Amino acid sequence: MILNKKLKIALYSGEIPSTTFIERLVSGLSEKGCTILLFGYVTKKIKYKGNVIIRGYAENRFYKMYLLLRYTVLLFLFRNAEKKKLDVYIAKEAKKKAFAKMKFYPVLWHKPDVFHLQWAKSIEDWAWVQDFGIKLVVSLRGTHITTTPLSDVRVANRYLKFFPKVDGFHAVSKAMAVEAQKFGADSNKIKVVYSGLPKGTMASEKRKGKEVLKIISIGRNHWIKGYSYALECCKILKENQFEFEYTIIGALGAEELEFSRESFGLKEKVFFTGNKSFLEVQKYITNADVLLLPSVEEGIANTVLEAMQLGKIVIATDCGGMTEVIENEKNGFIVPVRNPQKMAETIIKIASLEGSVKQRIAREAILTIQHNHDEEKMIADMMALYRQVLNKNE
């Protein structure tokens, strides 16, 4: 494989557009001269700069039929032998055969150098690409690696079957890399690539009126986010007559959390909002004093990185890869998982810190992002992974 060849990379997450990390990856790789192919369900129209090709489908059966017919004809006329080979696989493995053809045929026709699967749980659907000379790279992130295989033996068995055959893995943290090896992933094929943030994010502003400490958490309402422990922490803070406000962005309408807030008498101190845009979230972070990540499991939370880039003090549990980012009392604070008492003690401690100490921690947080979580470094590391799998045994 020629090292300076322009790569054709398929980034598959199932939805277009996708998560912040994947969208940054799309743009960054395109800027490096790669041709990017996006397959999956198009949830809204989006325009990309550079050579980004969208070959997705919408919730329209006529358009789905058009896609199926188009790629059936193309493959039949120009790659009939490969089409027949894929059809044998579909007939044997796929439950919804017409839908599988609509998904798989465009990938076979465009035949990327690398098919980068973002969610490991779908590996069984896409392992076939290796039979056609396409390298398979799988991302290792979050619940797909840490909790799903524990609760679903079918997923665990799927990983045990397919992980040893994967050409390369992208791990969002060292902790995720270790977890994947339990399912047969070759450590030599795993590259840890941390999420990167673009330069030029708006600077943090000093907030006036510090008598009430403003705390925020950001993320979907799910037990793995640990919000129940955060509310118990708030109960402890109230009992200690500590003045605070706590907002969870993304938890509006969560019955369990609403019940706990009512039971603990926290309606005047704890607030829930719906999902917010990226810019709105940035404003919330800017106006807060502390970002709290009470999660039970994480890869590395992007919200933590974004808060650190803005010079905010972060409290995170010692789950997943968070200790790879935060060094306790140097660039943030680490507390044990499922420990509301320690969360509360740490919040009270932060409030009592001298201004110079807070500024030092904020500076260290910013430096951490600049050194380890720069977007350009993320793109370079991903390019290195793709080159590695393409040049192996060449």
Protein backbone atom coordinates (compact mmCIF):
# COMPACT_ATOMS: atom_id res chain seq x y z
CA MET A 1 0.00 0.00 0.00
CA ILE A 2 1.47 3.35 -1.04
CA LEU A 3 1.76 5.55 2.02
CA ASN A 4 0.70 8.77 0.29
CA LYS A 5 -2.39 7.30 -1.37
CA LYS A 6 -5.56 9.33 -0.86
CA LEU A 7 -7.79 7.19 1.30
CA LYS A 8 -11.45 6.37 0.81
CA ILE A 9 -12.97 5.98 4.29
CA ALA A 10 -16.51 4.91 5.16
CA LEU A 11 -17.60 6.24 8.56
CA TYR A 12 -20.67 4.32 9.65
CA SER A 13 -22.69 5.27 12.70
CA GLY A 14 -26.14 4.39 11.33
CA GLU A 15 -27.36 8.00 11.36
CA ILE A 16 -26.44 11.06 9.33
CA PRO A 17 -25.51 13.48 10.84
CA SER A 18 -24.04 11.73 13.86
CA THR A 19 -22.33 12.54 17.18
CA THR A 20 -20.01 15.51 17.69
CA PHE A 21 -16.91 13.29 17.61
CA ILE A 22 -17.91 11.66 14.32
CA GLU A 23 -18.89 14.94 12.69
CA ARG A 24 -15.50 16.41 13.61
CA LEU A 25 -13.86 13.28 12.24
CA VAL A 26 -15.76 13.64 8.95
CA SER A 27 -14.65 17.25 8.51
CA GLY A 28 -11.07 16.66 9.64
CA LEU A 29 -10.44 13.65 7.42
CA SER A 30 -11.98 15.44 4.46
CA GLU A 31 -9.63 18.37 4.99
CA LYS A 32 -6.72 15.90 4.89
CA GLY A 33 -7.76 14.91 1.38
CA CYS A 34 -9.63 11.70 2.18
CA THR A 35 -12.82 10.79 0.38
CA ILE A 36 -15.44 10.21 3.07
CA LEU A 37 -18.44 7.96 2.50
CA LEU A 38 -21.43 8.17 4.84
CA PHE A 39 -23.99 5.38 4.85
CA GLY A 40 -27.11 5.02 6.99
CA TYR A 41 -30.34 6.78 7.88
CA VAL A 42 -30.43 10.49 7.03
CA THR A 43 -32.22 12.28 9.88
CA LYS A 44 -31.80 15.76 8.39
CA LYS A 45 -30.17 17.38 5.39
CA ILE A 46 -26.60 18.48 5.93
CA LYS A 47 -23.91 19.93 3.69
CA TYR A 48 -20.27 19.09 4.22
CA LYS A 49 -17.19 20.82 2.88
CA GLY A 50 -14.72 18.80 0.87
CA ASN A 51 -15.12 15.37 -0.67
CA VAL A 52 -17.86 13.91 1.52
CA ILE A 53 -20.30 11.58 -0.21
CA ILE A 54 -23.63 10.79 1.45
CA ARG A 55 -25.23 7.53 0.38
CA GLY A 56 -27.95 7.28 2.98
CA TYR A 57 -31.63 6.54 2.95
CA ALA A 58 -34.64 8.38 4.35
CA GLU A 59 -37.90 7.16 5.86
CA ASN A 60 -39.47 6.98 2.42
CA ARG A 61 -40.19 3.59 0.92
CA PHE A 62 -40.06 4.89 -2.67
CA TYR A 63 -36.59 6.30 -2.13
CA LYS A 64 -35.52 3.05 -0.49
CA MET A 65 -36.81 1.16 -3.51
CA TYR A 66 -34.90 3.53 -5.79
CA LEU A 67 -31.65 2.92 -3.87
CA LEU A 68 -32.14 -0.83 -3.98
CA LEU A 69 -32.90 -0.81 -7.70
CA ARG A 70 -30.03 1.54 -8.56
CA TYR A 71 -27.32 -0.44 -6.80
CA THR A 72 -28.78 -3.79 -7.85
CA VAL A 73 -28.42 -2.76 -11.49
CA LEU A 74 -24.94 -1.27 -11.04
CA LEU A 75 -23.62 -4.36 -9.30
CA PHE A 76 -25.32 -6.72 -11.75
CA LEU A 77 -23.79 -4.95 -14.75
CA PHE A 78 -20.30 -4.27 -13.44
CA ARG A 79 -19.60 -6.48 -10.39
CA ASN A 80 -21.93 -9.39 -10.76
CA ALA A 81 -19.56 -11.95 -9.24
CA GLU A 82 -19.21 -9.86 -6.08
CA LYS A 83 -22.95 -9.25 -5.98
CA LYS A 84 -23.62 -12.99 -6.13
CA LYS A 85 -21.14 -13.57 -3.32
CA LEU A 86 -22.81 -10.95 -1.13
CA ASP A 87 -26.26 -12.31 -2.00
CA VAL A 88 -25.23 -15.73 -0.67
CA TYR A 89 -24.23 -14.08 2.63
CA ILE A 90 -27.49 -12.10 2.81
CA ALA A 91 -29.60 -15.17 2.09
CA LYS A 92 -27.87 -17.03 4.91
CA GLU A 93 -27.47 -14.32 7.56
CA ALA A 94 -29.96 -11.49 7.06
CA LYS A 95 -33.46 -11.56 8.52
CA LYS A 96 -34.76 -8.67 6.41
CA LYS A 97 -33.16 -9.47 3.08
CA ALA A 98 -34.45 -6.55 0.99
CA PHE A 99 -33.44 -4.07 3.70
CA ALA A 100 -30.01 -5.70 4.01
CA LYS A 101 -29.46 -5.35 0.26
CA MET A 102 -30.45 -1.68 0.40
CA LYS A 103 -27.86 -1.13 3.18
CA PHE A 104 -25.07 -3.36 1.88
CA TYR A 105 -25.15 -2.87 -1.90
CA PRO A 106 -24.02 0.82 -1.81
CA VAL A 107 -21.06 -0.11 0.41
CA LEU A 108 -19.99 -2.89 -1.94
CA TRP A 109 -20.37 -0.64 -4.98
CA HIS A 110 -18.31 2.23 -3.52
CA LYS A 111 -15.87 -0.21 -1.90
CA PRO A 112 -13.99 2.02 0.57
CA ASP A 113 -10.44 1.22 1.68
CA VAL A 114 -11.63 1.23 5.28
CA PHE A 115 -15.07 0.69 6.76
CA HIS A 116 -15.01 2.36 10.20
CA LEU A 117 -17.87 1.07 12.33
CA GLN A 118 -18.62 3.49 15.15
CA TRP A 119 -20.80 1.24 17.33
CA ALA A 120 -19.34 -2.18 18.15
CA LYS A 121 -22.73 -3.74 18.82
CA SER A 122 -23.42 -3.74 15.06
CA ILE A 123 -20.28 -5.70 14.17
CA GLU A 124 -22.20 -8.80 13.10
CA ASP A 125 -23.95 -6.82 10.36
CA TRP A 126 -20.73 -5.53 8.82
CA ALA A 127 -18.10 -8.25 9.24
CA TRP A 128 -18.76 -9.27 5.61
CA VAL A 129 -16.85 -6.27 4.26
CA GLN A 130 -13.57 -8.04 5.00
CA ASP A 131 -14.45 -10.74 2.46
CA PHE A 132 -14.28 -8.08 -0.27
CA GLY A 133 -10.89 -6.61 0.63
CA ILE A 134 -12.27 -3.78 2.78
CA LYS A 135 -10.47 -3.25 6.08
CA LEU A 136 -12.74 -3.21 9.13
CA VAL A 137 -12.04 -0.74 11.94
CA VAL A 138 -14.29 -0.74 15.02
CA SER A 139 -14.62 1.99 17.65
CA LEU A 140 -14.62 0.99 21.30
CA ARG A 141 -16.73 3.39 23.29
CA GLY A 142 -19.07 3.64 26.26
CA THR A 143 -21.85 1.25 27.12
CA HIS A 144 -21.36 -0.83 23.96
CA ILE A 145 -18.19 -2.19 25.58
CA THR A 146 -18.69 -1.77 29.32
CA THR A 147 -22.28 -2.66 30.20
CA THR A 148 -24.16 -4.02 27.17
CA PRO A 149 -22.13 -7.27 26.99
CA LEU A 150 -22.77 -7.82 30.70
CA SER A 151 -26.54 -7.56 30.35
CA ASP A 152 -26.87 -9.27 26.96
CA VAL A 153 -25.01 -12.56 26.50
CA ARG A 154 -25.76 -12.45 22.77
CA VAL A 155 -23.70 -9.27 22.42
CA ALA A 156 -20.87 -10.78 24.48
CA ASN A 157 -20.81 -13.87 22.26
CA ARG A 158 -20.91 -11.65 19.18
CA TYR A 159 -17.80 -9.82 20.38
CA LEU A 160 -16.02 -13.08 21.23
CA LYS A 161 -16.70 -14.31 17.70
CA PHE A 162 -15.81 -11.21 15.70
CA PHE A 163 -13.32 -9.12 17.71
CA PRO A 164 -10.35 -11.44 17.02
CA LYS A 165 -10.92 -10.93 13.27
CA VAL A 166 -11.13 -7.12 13.22
CA ASP A 167 -8.33 -5.31 11.35
CA GLY A 168 -8.07 -2.40 13.78
CA PHE A 169 -9.75 -0.81 16.77
CA HIS A 170 -10.16 2.81 17.81
CA ALA A 171 -10.46 3.07 21.59
CA VAL A 172 -11.75 6.29 23.11
CA SER A 173 -9.70 5.57 26.24
CA LYS A 174 -7.15 3.10 27.61
CA ALA A 175 -9.89 1.71 29.83
CA MET A 176 -11.98 0.81 26.76
CA ALA A 177 -8.94 -0.90 25.20
CA VAL A 178 -8.57 -3.10 28.26
CA GLU A 179 -12.26 -4.03 28.22
CA ALA A 180 -12.15 -5.02 24.53
CA GLN A 181 -9.28 -7.41 25.14
CA LYS A 182 -11.58 -9.45 27.36
CA PHE A 183 -13.47 -10.32 24.16
CA GLY A 184 -10.40 -11.31 22.16
CA ALA A 185 -9.38 -7.96 20.66
CA ASP A 186 -5.67 -8.01 19.81
CA SER A 187 -3.88 -5.32 21.86
CA ASN A 188 -1.51 -4.70 18.92
CA LYS A 189 -4.48 -3.70 16.77
CA ILE A 190 -5.92 -1.20 19.25
CA LYS A 191 -5.02 2.48 19.05
CA VAL A 192 -6.22 4.88 21.72
CA VAL A 193 -7.39 8.09 20.07
CA TYR A 194 -8.79 10.67 22.43
CA SER A 195 -11.58 13.02 21.37
CA GLY A 196 -10.21 16.30 20.08
CA LEU A 197 -11.66 19.77 20.37
CA PRO A 198 -11.26 22.52 17.78
CA LYS A 199 -9.21 25.56 18.61
CA GLY A 200 -10.93 28.87 19.11
CA THR A 201 -13.74 27.79 21.44
CA MET A 202 -15.09 30.85 23.22
CA ALA A 203 -13.17 31.77 26.35
CA SER A 204 -14.71 31.37 29.76
CA GLU A 205 -15.99 34.46 31.50
CA LYS A 206 -15.84 35.27 35.18
CA ARG A 207 -19.30 34.94 36.60
CA LYS A 208 -20.64 37.57 38.98
CA GLY A 209 -22.56 36.81 42.13
CA LYS A 210 -20.63 33.83 43.49
CA GLU A 211 -22.58 33.48 46.76
CA VAL A 212 -24.52 30.59 45.18
CA LEU A 213 -22.35 27.90 43.60
CA LYS A 214 -23.72 26.94 40.19
CA ILE A 215 -23.27 23.26 39.28
CA ILE A 216 -24.28 21.60 36.02
CA SER A 217 -24.36 18.12 34.51
CA ILE A 218 -24.97 17.39 30.84
CA GLY A 219 -26.25 14.21 29.23
CA ARG A 220 -29.21 11.98 28.50
CA ASN A 221 -31.32 10.59 31.30
CA HIS A 222 -29.94 7.09 31.79
CA TRP A 223 -29.02 5.19 34.94
CA ILE A 224 -25.41 4.98 33.78
CA LYS A 225 -25.11 8.77 34.08
CA GLY A 226 -25.42 8.50 37.87
CA TYR A 227 -27.87 11.37 38.34
CA SER A 228 -29.57 9.61 41.25
CA TYR A 229 -26.27 9.85 43.15
CA ALA A 230 -25.92 13.49 42.18
CA LEU A 231 -29.34 14.24 43.69
CA GLU A 232 -28.34 12.44 46.89
CA CYS A 233 -25.28 14.67 46.90
CA CYS A 234 -27.56 17.70 46.60
CA LYS A 235 -29.58 16.44 49.58
CA ILE A 236 -26.38 16.33 51.62
CA LEU A 237 -25.44 19.84 50.51
CA LYS A 238 -28.84 21.14 51.57
CA GLU A 239 -28.57 19.46 54.95
CA ASN A 240 -25.23 21.23 55.40
CA GLN A 241 -26.92 24.54 54.52
CA PHE A 242 -24.63 24.96 51.54
CA GLU A 243 -25.90 27.43 48.95
CA PHE A 244 -25.99 25.99 45.44
CA GLU A 245 -28.00 25.53 42.26
CA TYR A 246 -27.79 22.33 40.24
CA THR A 247 -28.99 21.99 36.63
CA ILE A 248 -29.09 18.77 34.62
CA ILE A 249 -29.27 19.46 30.88
CA GLY A 250 -31.12 16.65 29.12
CA ALA A 251 -33.12 15.32 32.08
CA LEU A 252 -36.42 17.13 31.62
CA GLY A 253 -39.39 14.83 32.23
CA ALA A 254 -37.39 12.08 33.97
CA GLU A 255 -39.91 10.62 36.45
CA GLU A 256 -37.37 9.02 38.78
CA LEU A 257 -35.35 12.20 39.06
CA GLU A 258 -38.49 14.32 39.48
CA PHE A 259 -39.57 12.02 42.31
CA SER A 260 -36.18 12.21 44.05
CA ARG A 261 -36.09 15.98 43.73
CA GLU A 262 -39.53 16.22 45.35
CA SER A 263 -38.69 13.69 48.07
CA PHE A 264 -35.46 15.47 48.98
CA GLY A 265 -37.11 18.91 49.01
CA LEU A 266 -34.87 20.21 46.24
CA LYS A 267 -37.34 21.90 43.87
CA GLU A 268 -35.86 25.33 44.56
CA LYS A 269 -32.28 24.15 44.07
CA VAL A 270 -32.33 21.49 41.32
CA PHE A 271 -33.49 22.17 37.77
CA PHE A 272 -33.99 19.96 34.72
CA THR A 273 -33.90 21.13 31.11
CA GLY A 274 -34.42 19.42 27.78
CA ASN A 275 -31.68 18.85 25.23
CA LYS A 276 -29.80 21.94 24.13
CA SER A 277 -27.76 22.86 21.09
CA PHE A 278 -23.98 22.86 21.29
CA LEU A 279 -23.83 26.65 21.56
CA GLU A 280 -26.50 26.70 24.26
CA VAL A 281 -24.59 24.08 26.25
CA GLN A 282 -21.43 26.17 25.94
CA LYS A 283 -23.29 29.12 27.45
CA TYR A 284 -24.51 26.97 30.34
CA ILE A 285 -20.94 25.82 31.00
CA THR A 286 -19.64 29.39 30.83
CA ASN A 287 -22.18 30.53 33.43
CA ALA A 288 -21.45 27.64 35.81
CA ASP A 289 -18.82 27.25 38.50
CA VAL A 290 -18.52 23.46 38.45
CA LEU A 291 -19.31 20.69 35.97
CA LEU A 292 -20.25 17.47 37.74
CA LEU A 293 -19.94 14.09 35.99
CA PRO A 294 -21.53 11.56 38.40
CA SER A 295 -21.46 8.68 35.88
CA VAL A 296 -21.22 5.01 36.74
CA GLU A 297 -19.48 4.29 33.42
CA GLU A 298 -17.97 6.47 30.68
CA GLY A 299 -15.39 6.27 27.96
CA ILE A 300 -14.19 9.85 28.15
CA ALA A 301 -17.02 12.36 28.36
CA ASN A 302 -16.86 15.14 25.76
CA THR A 303 -18.72 17.47 28.10
CA VAL A 304 -15.83 17.20 30.55
CA LEU A 305 -13.31 18.08 27.84
CA GLU A 306 -15.41 21.05 26.72
CA ALA A 307 -15.72 22.35 30.28
CA MET A 308 -11.98 21.97 30.86
CA GLN A 309 -11.23 23.84 27.63
CA LEU A 310 -13.36 26.68 28.99
CA GLY A 311 -11.35 26.70 32.21
CA LYS A 312 -14.13 25.31 34.41
CA ILE A 313 -13.53 23.12 37.43
CA VAL A 314 -14.70 19.56 36.83
CA ILE A 315 -15.67 16.88 39.32
CA ALA A 316 -15.80 13.42 37.74
CA THR A 317 -16.17 9.91 39.09
CA ASP A 318 -13.28 7.50 38.65
CA CYS A 319 -15.12 5.52 35.97
CA GLY A 320 -13.91 4.39 32.56
CA GLY A 321 -11.25 6.66 31.13
CA MET A 322 -11.90 9.73 33.27
CA THR A 323 -8.72 9.28 35.32
CA GLU A 324 -6.81 9.41 32.02
CA VAL A 325 -7.98 13.02 31.68
CA ILE A 326 -8.24 14.33 35.22
CA GLU A 327 -5.46 14.28 37.80
CA ASN A 328 -7.10 14.82 41.18
CA GLU A 329 -6.67 18.34 42.55
CA LYS A 330 -4.32 19.28 39.68
CA ASN A 331 -6.61 19.91 36.69
CA GLY A 332 -9.89 18.87 38.30
CA PHE A 333 -11.28 16.52 40.93
CA ILE A 334 -11.91 12.78 40.97
CA VAL A 335 -14.40 11.13 43.35
CA PRO A 336 -15.39 7.47 43.75
CA VAL A 337 -18.30 6.08 41.75
CA ARG A 338 -21.63 5.94 43.59
CA ASN A 339 -20.41 8.12 46.46
CA PRO A 340 -22.74 11.12 47.05
CA GLN A 341 -20.99 11.97 50.32
CA LYS A 342 -17.63 12.40 48.63
CA MET A 343 -19.22 14.42 45.84
CA ALA A 344 -20.72 16.78 48.40
CA GLU A 345 -17.47 17.09 50.35
CA THR A 346 -15.58 17.92 47.15
CA ILE A 347 -18.11 20.58 46.12
CA ILE A 348 -17.84 22.23 49.54
CA LYS A 349 -14.04 22.04 49.31
CA ILE A 350 -14.02 23.73 45.88
CA ALA A 351 -16.20 26.55 47.16
CA SER A 352 -13.68 27.24 49.93
CA LEU A 353 -10.61 27.35 47.67
CA GLU A 354 -8.65 30.55 47.26
CA GLY A 355 -9.12 32.27 43.91
CA SER A 356 -5.50 31.68 42.96
CA VAL A 357 -5.90 27.93 43.49
CA LYS A 358 -9.01 27.82 41.31
CA GLN A 359 -7.16 29.74 38.61
CA ARG A 360 -4.24 27.30 38.75
CA ILE A 361 -6.60 24.32 38.34
CA ALA A 362 -8.35 26.07 35.46
CA ARG A 363 -5.04 26.74 33.70
CA GLU A 364 -3.99 23.10 34.11
CA ALA A 365 -7.32 21.98 32.68
CA ILE A 366 -6.85 24.15 29.60
CA LEU A 367 -3.29 22.88 29.12
CA THR A 368 -4.51 19.28 29.35
CA ILE A 369 -6.91 19.88 26.47
CA GLN A 370 -4.29 21.68 24.40
CA HIS A 371 -1.74 18.88 24.84
CA ASN A 372 -3.89 15.75 24.69
CA HIS A 373 -7.25 16.63 23.14
CA ASP A 374 -6.49 18.82 20.18
CA GLU A 375 -8.64 18.12 17.10
CA GLU A 376 -5.66 18.10 14.75
CA LYS A 377 -3.96 15.46 16.90
CA MET A 378 -7.16 13.37 16.86
CA ILE A 379 -7.30 13.44 13.05
CA ALA A 380 -3.59 12.62 12.73
CA ASP A 381 -3.98 9.68 15.12
CA MET A 382 -6.97 8.34 13.20
CA MET A 383 -5.06 8.65 9.92
CA ALA A 384 -2.21 6.70 11.50
CA LEU A 385 -4.65 3.93 12.49
CA TYR A 386 -6.06 3.70 8.97
CA ARG A 387 -2.56 3.61 7.47
CA GLN A 388 -1.60 0.90 9.93
CA VAL A 389 -4.43 -1.46 8.95
CA LEU A 390 -3.97 -0.75 5.23
CA ASN A 391 -0.23 -1.34 5.22
CA LYS A 392 -0.25 -4.43 7.41
CA ASN A 393 1.23 -7.37 5.55
CA GLU A 394 1.68 -5.25 2.42
